C-alpha atoms as a PDB file:
ATOM      1  CA  MET A   1      11.060 -11.274 -10.162  1.00  0.00           C
ATOM      2  CA  GLY A   2       8.204 -13.342 -11.715  1.00  0.00           C
ATOM      3  CA  GLU A   3       9.708 -16.331 -10.160  1.00  0.00           C
ATOM      4  CA  GLY A   4       9.659 -14.772  -6.595  1.00  0.00           C
ATOM      5  CA  THR A   5      12.198 -13.909  -4.182  1.00  0.00           C
ATOM      6  CA  ARG A   6      15.561 -15.770  -4.439  1.00  0.00           C
ATOM      7  CA  ALA A   7      18.607 -15.948  -2.013  1.00  0.00           C
ATOM      8  CA  GLY A   8      22.151 -17.328  -2.161  1.00  0.00           C
ATOM      9  CA  VAL A   9      24.555 -18.636   0.338  1.00  0.00           C
ATOM     10  CA  TYR A  10      28.281 -19.049  -0.131  1.00  0.00           C
ATOM     11  CA  GLY A  11      30.669 -21.192   2.230  1.00  0.00           C
ATOM     12  CA  GLN A  12      34.123 -19.663   1.375  1.00  0.00           C
ATOM     13  CA  SER A  13      36.115 -22.185   3.370  1.00  0.00           C
ATOM     14  CA  VAL A  14      34.573 -25.296   1.505  1.00  0.00           C
ATOM     15  CA  GLY A  15      33.561 -23.529  -1.683  1.00  0.00           C
ATOM     16  CA  ARG A  16      30.042 -24.381  -1.219  1.00  0.00           C
ATOM     17  CA  ARG A  17      27.174 -22.563  -3.064  1.00  0.00           C
ATOM     18  CA  LEU A  18      23.486 -22.958  -2.184  1.00  0.00           C
ATOM     19  CA  SER A  19      20.701 -20.981  -3.872  1.00  0.00           C
ATOM     20  CA  PHE A  20      16.922 -21.293  -3.047  1.00  0.00           C
ATOM     21  CA  SER A  21      13.594 -19.592  -4.078  1.00  0.00           C
ATOM     22  CA  LEU A  22      11.154 -18.607  -1.406  1.00  0.00           C
ATOM     23  CA  GLY A  23       8.062 -17.687  -3.531  1.00  0.00           C
ATOM     24  CA  ARG A  24       6.400 -14.472  -4.223  1.00  0.00           C
ATOM     25  CA  TYR A  25       5.381 -13.520  -0.829  1.00  0.00           C
ATOM     26  CA  ALA A  26       8.597 -13.607   1.267  1.00  0.00           C
ATOM     27  CA  ARG A  27       9.914 -10.330   2.537  1.00  0.00           C
ATOM     28  CA  VAL A  28      13.538  -9.310   2.191  1.00  0.00           C
ATOM     29  CA  PHE A  29      14.028  -9.424   5.790  1.00  0.00           C
ATOM     30  CA  GLN A  30      12.615 -13.178   5.982  1.00  0.00           C
ATOM     31  CA  VAL A  31      14.945 -14.042   3.049  1.00  0.00           C
ATOM     32  CA  GLU A  32      17.994 -12.708   4.899  1.00  0.00           C
ATOM     33  CA  ILE A  33      17.007 -14.682   7.968  1.00  0.00           C
ATOM     34  CA  TYR A  34      16.370 -17.734   6.044  1.00  0.00           C
ATOM     35  CA  ALA A  35      19.829 -17.443   4.518  1.00  0.00           C
ATOM     36  CA  ILE A  36      21.414 -17.395   7.945  1.00  0.00           C
ATOM     37  CA  LEU A  37      19.306 -20.369   8.882  1.00  0.00           C
ATOM     38  CA  ALA A  38      20.567 -22.178   5.744  1.00  0.00           C
ATOM     39  CA  CYS A  39      24.067 -21.518   6.838  1.00  0.00           C
ATOM     40  CA  VAL A  40      23.321 -22.974  10.327  1.00  0.00           C
ATOM     41  CA  TYR A  41      21.832 -26.061   8.778  1.00  0.00           C
ATOM     42  CA  GLU A  42      24.697 -26.547   6.509  1.00  0.00           C
ATOM     43  CA  ILE A  43      27.216 -26.335   9.289  1.00  0.00           C
ATOM     44  CA  GLN A  44      25.152 -29.056  11.026  1.00  0.00           C
ATOM     45  CA  SER A  45      25.054 -31.301   8.015  1.00  0.00           C
ATOM     46  CA  GLN A  46      28.764 -30.800   7.316  1.00  0.00           C
ATOM     47  CA  ASN A  47      29.752 -31.833  10.796  1.00  0.00           C
ATOM     48  CA  ARG A  48      32.824 -29.618  10.615  1.00  0.00           C
ATOM     49  CA  PRO A  49      35.537 -30.010  13.161  1.00  0.00           C
ATOM     50  CA  GLU A  50      36.381 -26.329  13.457  1.00  0.00           C
ATOM     51  CA  LYS A  51      35.579 -24.747  16.931  1.00  0.00           C
ATOM     52  CA  TYR A  52      34.917 -21.297  15.456  1.00  0.00           C
ATOM     53  CA  MET A  53      32.556 -20.517  12.784  1.00  0.00           C
ATOM     54  CA  SER A  54      31.667 -17.160  11.255  1.00  0.00           C
ATOM     55  CA  ILE A  55      28.361 -16.290   9.324  1.00  0.00           C
ATOM     56  CA  CYS A  56      28.354 -13.021   7.467  1.00  0.00           C
ATOM     57  CA  SER A  57      25.210 -11.161   6.367  1.00  0.00           C
ATOM     58  CA  GLY A  58      24.726  -8.005   4.577  1.00  0.00           C
ATOM     59  CA  SER A  59      21.572  -7.246   6.523  1.00  0.00           C
ATOM     60  CA  GLN A  60      21.930  -5.350   9.827  1.00  0.00           C
ATOM     61  CA  ALA A  61      18.271  -5.648  10.535  1.00  0.00           C
ATOM     62  CA  ALA A  62      18.523  -9.547  10.487  1.00  0.00           C
ATOM     63  CA  LEU A  63      21.600  -9.520  12.678  1.00  0.00           C
ATOM     64  CA  LYS A  64      19.989  -7.052  15.312  1.00  0.00           C
ATOM     65  CA  ALA A  65      16.825  -9.034  15.281  1.00  0.00           C
ATOM     66  CA  LEU A  66      18.752 -12.405  16.026  1.00  0.00           C
ATOM     67  CA  LYS A  67      20.535 -10.758  18.903  1.00  0.00           C
ATOM     68  CA  ALA A  68      17.254  -9.384  20.493  1.00  0.00           C
ATOM     69  CA  VAL A  69      16.106 -11.234  23.692  1.00  0.00           C
ATOM     70  CA  ARG A  70      12.461 -11.235  22.588  1.00  0.00           C
ATOM     71  CA  THR A  71      10.859 -11.724  19.153  1.00  0.00           C
ATOM     72  CA  MET A  72       7.480 -11.959  17.728  1.00  0.00           C
ATOM     73  CA  SER A  73       8.849 -13.337  14.308  1.00  0.00           C
ATOM     74  CA  PRO A  74       8.703 -17.037  13.865  1.00  0.00           C
ATOM     75  CA  SER A  75      11.405 -17.121  11.383  1.00  0.00           C
ATOM     76  CA  VAL A  76      13.756 -15.213  13.900  1.00  0.00           C
ATOM     77  CA  HIS A  77      12.776 -17.558  16.646  1.00  0.00           C
ATOM     78  CA  GLN A  78      13.492 -20.663  14.428  1.00  0.00           C
ATOM     79  CA  CYS A  79      16.940 -19.193  13.542  1.00  0.00           C
ATOM     80  CA  GLN A  80      17.808 -18.285  17.066  1.00  0.00           C
ATOM     81  CA  LYS A  81      17.005 -21.767  18.286  1.00  0.00           C
ATOM     82  CA  ALA A  82      19.163 -23.348  15.407  1.00  0.00           C
ATOM     83  CA  LEU A  83      22.071 -21.056  16.453  1.00  0.00           C
ATOM     84  CA  ASN A  84      21.690 -22.129  20.146  1.00  0.00           C
ATOM     85  CA  ASP A  85      21.692 -25.807  19.013  1.00  0.00           C
ATOM     86  CA  ILE A  86      24.902 -25.648  17.055  1.00  0.00           C
ATOM     87  CA  SER A  87      26.608 -23.517  19.919  1.00  0.00           C
ATOM     88  CA  ILE A  88      26.956 -26.722  21.609  1.00  0.00           C
ATOM     89  CA  ARG A  89      29.943 -27.779  19.373  1.00  0.00           C
ATOM     90  CA  HIS A  90      30.735 -24.524  17.712  1.00  0.00           C
ATOM     91  CA  ALA A  91      31.417 -20.860  18.760  1.00  0.00           C
ATOM     92  CA  VAL A  92      29.447 -19.080  16.065  1.00  0.00           C
ATOM     93  CA  GLY A  93      30.027 -15.401  15.236  1.00  0.00           C
ATOM     94  CA  LEU A  94      27.611 -13.320  13.266  1.00  0.00           C
ATOM     95  CA  PHE A  95      29.170 -10.465  11.356  1.00  0.00           C
ATOM     96  CA  TRP A  96      27.682  -7.605   9.044  1.00  0.00           C
ATOM     97  CA  VAL A  97      29.520  -7.089   5.827  1.00  0.00           C
ATOM     98  CA  PRO A  98      28.617  -4.063   3.673  1.00  0.00           C
ATOM     99  CA  GLY A  99      26.920  -4.773   0.399  1.00  0.00           C
ATOM    100  CA  HIS A 100      28.487  -3.865  -2.936  1.00  0.00           C
ATOM    101  CA  ALA A 101      31.932  -3.229  -1.312  1.00  0.00           C
ATOM    102  CA  ARG A 102      33.767  -5.819  -3.419  1.00  0.00           C
ATOM    103  CA  ILE A 103      33.993  -8.253  -0.584  1.00  0.00           C
ATOM    104  CA  ARG A 104      34.812 -11.679  -2.222  1.00  0.00           C
ATOM    105  CA  GLY A 105      32.605 -13.983  -0.246  1.00  0.00           C
ATOM    106  CA  ASN A 106      29.772 -11.516  -0.202  1.00  0.00           C
ATOM    107  CA  GLU A 107      29.929 -10.709  -3.885  1.00  0.00           C
ATOM    108  CA  THR A 108      29.880 -14.459  -4.659  1.00  0.00           C
ATOM    109  CA  ALA A 109      26.834 -15.047  -2.412  1.00  0.00           C
ATOM    110  CA  ASP A 110      25.034 -12.259  -4.308  1.00  0.00           C
ATOM    111  CA  GLY A 111      25.839 -13.764  -7.504  1.00  0.00           C
ATOM    112  CA  VAL A 112      24.604 -17.166  -6.690  1.00  0.00           C
ATOM    113  CA  PRO A 113      20.838 -16.715  -7.283  1.00  0.00           C
ATOM    114  CA  ARG A 114      21.436 -14.439 -10.388  1.00  0.00           C
ATOM    115  CA  GLY A 115      23.523 -17.178 -11.966  1.00  0.00           C
ATOM    116  CA  GLY A 116      20.359 -19.078 -12.574  1.00  0.00           C
ATOM    117  CA  THR A 117      20.863 -22.029 -10.145  1.00  0.00           C
ATOM    118  CA  ALA A 118      17.810 -20.974  -8.029  1.00  0.00           C
ATOM    119  CA  LEU A 119      14.800 -22.797  -9.207  1.00  0.00           C
ATOM    120  CA  ARG A 120      11.275 -21.595  -9.359  1.00  0.00           C
ATOM    121  CA  PHE A 121       9.479 -22.239  -6.111  1.00  0.00           C
ATOM    122  CA  LEU A 122       7.036 -25.062  -7.003  1.00  0.00           C
ATOM    123  CA  ARG A 123       5.284 -25.904  -3.688  1.00  0.00           C
ATOM    124  CA  PRO A 124       2.122 -24.193  -2.366  1.00  0.00           C
ATOM    125  CA  GLU A 125       2.543 -20.574  -1.407  1.00  0.00           C
ATOM    126  CA  PRO A 126       3.433 -18.918   0.811  1.00  0.00           C
ATOM    127  CA  ALA A 127       6.694 -20.560   1.532  1.00  0.00           C
ATOM    128  CA  LEU A 128       7.316 -18.733   4.823  1.00  0.00           C
ATOM    129  CA  VAL A 129       4.963 -17.179   7.394  1.00  0.00           C
ATOM    130  CA  VAL A 130       3.280 -14.122   6.161  1.00  0.00           C
ATOM    131  CA  SER A 131       3.286 -11.377   8.730  1.00  0.00           C
ATOM    132  CA  ARG A 132       0.066  -9.517   9.771  1.00  0.00           C
ATOM    133  CA  ARG A 133       1.558  -6.331   8.571  1.00  0.00           C
ATOM    134  CA  ASP A 134       2.103  -7.798   5.097  1.00  0.00           C
ATOM    135  CA  LEU A 135      -1.253  -9.202   5.126  1.00  0.00           C
ATOM    136  CA  GLN A 136      -2.759  -5.628   5.916  1.00  0.00           C
ATOM    137  CA  ILE A 137      -0.686  -4.135   3.015  1.00  0.00           C
ATOM    138  CA  ARG A 138      -1.711  -6.797   0.480  1.00  0.00           C
ATOM    139  CA  LEU A 139      -5.341  -6.690   1.613  1.00  0.00           C
ATOM    140  CA  GLY A 140      -5.264  -2.911   1.308  1.00  0.00           C
ATOM    141  CA  HIS A 141      -3.793  -3.079  -2.234  1.00  0.00           C
ATOM    142  CA  TRP A 142      -6.468  -5.524  -3.142  1.00  0.00           C
ATOM    143  CA  LEU A 143      -9.255  -3.406  -1.905  1.00  0.00           C
ATOM    144  CA  VAL A 144      -7.982  -0.469  -3.605  1.00  0.00           C
ATOM    145  CA  ASN A 145      -7.657  -2.399  -6.968  1.00  0.00           C
ATOM    146  CA  GLN A 146     -11.244  -3.845  -6.428  1.00  0.00           C
ATOM    147  CA  HIS A 147     -12.636  -0.376  -5.688  1.00  0.00           C
ATOM    148  CA  GLY A 148     -11.059   1.113  -8.935  1.00  0.00           C
ATOM    149  CA  ALA A 149     -12.196  -1.721 -10.951  1.00  0.00           C
ATOM    150  CA  GLN A 150     -15.808  -1.112  -9.769  1.00  0.00           C
ATOM    151  CA  TRP A 151     -15.503   2.592 -10.274  1.00  0.00           C
ATOM    152  CA  ARG A 152     -14.309   2.183 -13.885  1.00  0.00           C
ATOM    153  CA  GLY A 153     -17.192  -0.092 -14.476  1.00  0.00           C
ATOM    154  CA  LEU A 154     -19.911   2.206 -13.339  1.00  0.00           C
ATOM    155  CA  GLY A 155     -20.578   3.737 -16.901  1.00  0.00           C
ATOM    156  CA  ASP A 156     -23.669   5.873 -17.192  1.00  0.00           C
ATOM    157  CA  ASN A 157     -25.079   4.586 -13.929  1.00  0.00           C
ATOM    158  CA  GLN A 158     -23.257   7.320 -12.099  1.00  0.00           C
ATOM    159  CA  ARG A 159     -22.709   9.848 -14.698  1.00  0.00           C
ATOM    160  CA  GLN A 160     -22.617  12.791 -12.480  1.00  0.00           C
ATOM    161  CA  ALA A 161     -20.330  11.188  -9.889  1.00  0.00           C
ATOM    162  CA  CYS A 162     -17.871  10.316 -12.591  1.00  0.00           C
ATOM    163  CA  GLU A 163     -17.925  13.828 -13.952  1.00  0.00           C
ATOM    164  CA  PHE A 164     -16.929  15.368 -10.579  1.00  0.00           C
ATOM    165  CA  ILE A 165     -14.832  12.646  -8.872  1.00  0.00           C
ATOM    166  CA  SER A 166     -11.673  11.493 -10.490  1.00  0.00           C
ATOM    167  CA  GLY A 167     -11.854   8.099  -8.672  1.00  0.00           C
ATOM    168  CA  PRO A 168     -10.834   6.246  -5.517  1.00  0.00           C
ATOM    169  CA  SER A 169      -8.506   8.222  -3.403  1.00  0.00           C
ATOM    170  CA  LEU A 170      -7.021   7.365  -0.018  1.00  0.00           C
ATOM    171  CA  GLY A 171      -6.577  11.060   0.854  1.00  0.00           C
ATOM    172  CA  THR A 172     -10.280  11.967   0.105  1.00  0.00           C
ATOM    173  CA  ARG A 173     -11.405   8.926   2.131  1.00  0.00           C
ATOM    174  CA  ALA A 174      -9.302  10.167   5.109  1.00  0.00           C
ATOM    175  CA  LYS A 175     -10.846  13.541   4.896  1.00  0.00           C
ATOM    176  CA  PHE A 176     -14.379  12.240   4.344  1.00  0.00           C
ATOM    177  CA  ILE A 177     -14.351  10.043   7.491  1.00  0.00           C
ATOM    178  CA  THR A 178     -13.691  13.210   9.637  1.00  0.00           C
ATOM    179  CA  PHE A 179     -16.958  14.727   8.407  1.00  0.00           C
ATOM    180  CA  ASN A 180     -20.201  14.654  10.686  1.00  0.00           C
ATOM    181  CA  ARG A 181     -23.502  13.591   9.108  1.00  0.00           C
ATOM    182  CA  THR A 182     -24.490  16.955   7.936  1.00  0.00           C
ATOM    183  CA  GLN A 183     -21.227  17.550   6.170  1.00  0.00           C
ATOM    184  CA  SER A 184     -21.053  14.109   4.635  1.00  0.00           C
ATOM    185  CA  ARG A 185     -24.637  14.373   3.410  1.00  0.00           C
ATOM    186  CA  ALA A 186     -24.036  17.830   1.760  1.00  0.00           C
ATOM    187  CA  VAL A 187     -20.927  17.012   0.001  1.00  0.00           C
ATOM    188  CA  THR A 188     -22.198  13.577  -1.261  1.00  0.00           C
ATOM    189  CA  GLY A 189     -25.361  14.985  -2.389  1.00  0.00           C
ATOM    190  CA  LEU A 190     -23.468  17.703  -4.380  1.00  0.00           C
ATOM    191  CA  LEU A 191     -20.963  15.275  -6.014  1.00  0.00           C
ATOM    192  CA  MET A 192     -23.277  12.414  -6.560  1.00  0.00           C
ATOM    193  CA  GLY A 193     -26.516  14.323  -7.533  1.00  0.00           C
ATOM    194  CA  HIS A 194     -28.789  12.440  -4.878  1.00  0.00           C
ATOM    195  CA  ASN A 195     -29.661  15.858  -2.987  1.00  0.00           C
ATOM    196  CA  THR A 196     -32.430  18.279  -2.286  1.00  0.00           C
ATOM    197  CA  LEU A 197     -31.671  20.669  -5.176  1.00  0.00           C
ATOM    198  CA  ARG A 198     -34.651  22.015  -7.006  1.00  0.00           C
ATOM    199  CA  ARG A 199     -34.147  19.886 -10.280  1.00  0.00           C
ATOM    200  CA  HIS A 200     -33.792  16.796  -8.442  1.00  0.00           C
ATOM    201  CA  LEU A 201     -37.015  17.439  -6.414  1.00  0.00           C
ATOM    202  CA  HIS A 202     -38.866  18.654  -9.513  1.00  0.00           C
ATOM    203  CA  LEU A 203     -38.056  15.197 -11.190  1.00  0.00           C
ATOM    204  CA  LEU A 204     -39.336  13.519  -8.197  1.00  0.00           C
ATOM    205  CA  GLY A 205     -42.573  15.526  -8.371  1.00  0.00           C
ATOM    206  CA  LEU A 206     -41.969  17.493  -5.223  1.00  0.00           C
ATOM    207  CA  LEU A 207     -41.561  20.979  -6.665  1.00  0.00           C
ATOM    208  CA  ASP A 208     -43.224  22.721  -9.595  1.00  0.00           C
ATOM    209  CA  SER A 209     -39.997  24.565 -10.719  1.00  0.00           C
ATOM    210  CA  PRO A 210     -36.609  23.416 -11.215  1.00  0.00           C
ATOM    211  CA  LEU A 211     -35.139  26.838 -11.488  1.00  0.00           C
ATOM    212  CA  CYS A 212     -32.125  27.880  -9.295  1.00  0.00           C
ATOM    213  CA  ARG A 213     -33.225  29.666  -6.129  1.00  0.00           C
ATOM    214  CA  LYS A 214     -30.203  31.937  -6.266  1.00  0.00           C
ATOM    215  CA  CYS A 215     -30.473  33.278  -9.857  1.00  0.00           C
ATOM    216  CA  GLY A 216     -33.851  32.002 -11.026  1.00  0.00           C
ATOM    217  CA  VAL A 217     -32.471  31.538 -14.467  1.00  0.00           C
ATOM    218  CA  GLU A 218     -31.036  27.958 -14.955  1.00  0.00           C
ATOM    219  CA  GLU A 219     -32.008  24.691 -13.528  1.00  0.00           C
ATOM    220  CA  GLU A 220     -30.802  24.131 -10.215  1.00  0.00           C
ATOM    221  CA  THR A 221     -28.209  21.266 -10.502  1.00  0.00           C
ATOM    222  CA  SER A 222     -24.962  20.377  -8.938  1.00  0.00           C
ATOM    223  CA  ALA A 223     -23.030  21.482 -11.913  1.00  0.00           C
ATOM    224  CA  HIS A 224     -24.970  24.806 -11.998  1.00  0.00           C
ATOM    225  CA  ILE A 225     -24.378  25.391  -8.303  1.00  0.00           C
ATOM    226  CA  LEU A 226     -20.746  24.334  -8.340  1.00  0.00           C
ATOM    227  CA  CYS A 227     -19.645  25.802 -11.548  1.00  0.00           C
ATOM    228  CA  GLU A 228     -22.017  28.187 -13.214  1.00  0.00           C
ATOM    229  CA  CYS A 229     -24.446  30.182 -11.169  1.00  0.00           C
ATOM    230  CA  GLU A 230     -23.767  33.867 -11.440  1.00  0.00           C
ATOM    231  CA  ALA A 231     -25.349  34.779  -8.025  1.00  0.00           C
ATOM    232  CA  LEU A 232     -22.693  32.382  -6.389  1.00  0.00           C
ATOM    233  CA  ALA A 233     -19.638  33.722  -8.276  1.00  0.00           C
ATOM    234  CA  SER A 234     -18.212  35.731  -5.336  1.00  0.00           C
ATOM    235  CA  LEU A 235     -18.629  32.817  -2.901  1.00  0.00           C
ATOM    236  CA  ARG A 236     -17.173  30.364  -5.646  1.00  0.00           C
ATOM    237  CA  HIS A 237     -14.202  32.631  -5.890  1.00  0.00           C
ATOM    238  CA  ALA A 238     -13.741  32.958  -2.216  1.00  0.00           C
ATOM    239  CA  TYR A 239     -14.034  29.250  -1.377  1.00  0.00           C
ATOM    240  CA  LEU A 240     -13.278  27.342  -4.588  1.00  0.00           C
ATOM    241  CA  GLY A 241     -10.663  29.773  -6.131  1.00  0.00           C
ATOM    242  CA  SER A 242     -12.480  30.869  -9.393  1.00  0.00           C
ATOM    243  CA  PHE A 243     -15.531  32.711 -10.340  1.00  0.00           C
ATOM    244  CA  PHE A 244     -16.679  30.050 -12.754  1.00  0.00           C
ATOM    245  CA  LEU A 245     -15.386  26.514 -13.051  1.00  0.00           C
ATOM    246  CA  GLU A 246     -15.587  23.490 -15.384  1.00  0.00           C
ATOM    247  CA  PRO A 247     -16.874  20.198 -14.033  1.00  0.00           C
ATOM    248  CA  GLU A 248     -13.463  18.605 -14.339  1.00  0.00           C
ATOM    249  CA  ASP A 249     -12.006  21.474 -11.962  1.00  0.00           C
ATOM    250  CA  ILE A 250     -14.232  20.060  -9.138  1.00  0.00           C
ATOM    251  CA  ARG A 251     -12.110  16.915  -9.176  1.00  0.00           C
ATOM    252  CA  SER A 252      -9.063  18.824  -7.905  1.00  0.00           C
ATOM    253  CA  LEU A 253     -10.909  20.542  -5.170  1.00  0.00           C
ATOM    254  CA  GLY A 254     -10.802  19.192  -1.450  1.00  0.00           C
ATOM    255  CA  LEU A 255     -13.737  18.120   0.187  1.00  0.00           C
ATOM    256  CA  GLY A 256     -13.408  20.713   2.893  1.00  0.00           C
ATOM    257  CA  ALA A 257     -13.498  23.530   0.325  1.00  0.00           C
ATOM    258  CA  ILE A 258     -16.727  22.055  -1.269  1.00  0.00           C
ATOM    259  CA  TRP A 259     -18.324  21.794   2.235  1.00  0.00           C
ATOM    260  CA  SER A 260     -17.313  25.358   3.277  1.00  0.00           C
ATOM    261  CA  TYR A 261     -18.894  26.696  -0.126  1.00  0.00           C
ATOM    262  CA  SER A 262     -22.006  24.670   0.346  1.00  0.00           C
ATOM    263  CA  LYS A 263     -22.459  26.041   3.733  1.00  0.00           C
ATOM    264  CA  ALA A 264     -21.778  29.569   2.885  1.00  0.00           C
ATOM    265  CA  ALA A 265     -24.230  29.354  -0.049  1.00  0.00           C
ATOM    266  CA  GLY A 266     -26.889  28.229   2.288  1.00  0.00           C
ATOM    267  CA  LEU A 267     -27.577  25.008   0.392  1.00  0.00           C
ATOM    268  CA  PRO A 268     -29.868  22.516   2.207  1.00  0.00           C
END
């Protein structure tokens, strides 16, 4: 939801309905724990005379966490302490109820936040403690988005790279970091154009001829070596799956295949 995460609590014996918003960053597990905590605080504030109290939740994960002897979650620890505090006056039972099973109290509690009574969270975010795992996930998504934005903004500055590489890929990154220096230099050079192929060295004034060392017909570029060189057609078919390729075909190839082809072709 645009307003963030909402939760509802229903006290069946007193007909009490509570709803609250916990902002955009609260996880479902945290919301379930907070709902139980809200029930505990409501029992305290009502000062009910009953000895036995029951709190029902549709989250088995939350109930198991509250029964655990040890916890690293601040929310769970706070809820456990509150339950221990009210146990002086009340015997409180925690029970699981299956969701969407037409159980009256549970269906009512589910409908409380949907009824529009939960206001938008107005205080500074986050409302609850953000877990380290959640921070890692959000930071990872942010980095991926930033990487994608920078990639799309390259324009003509990295024309060849954009021709051979479809964009940022977590799978490609995972493979790349397993390469040693020789492998990473060879593959990066072929895909990015910063290599020791003859046309590049000719442009730098280091070679007199830019012609391919294999066929001697066309200029020796990454596109020629990867896609077009007739002298390498058999190797290309063996390692890259086709005798001849288009530049966009390179995007779907694995880095391992490109490295194996480069090594078999004896490229520097």
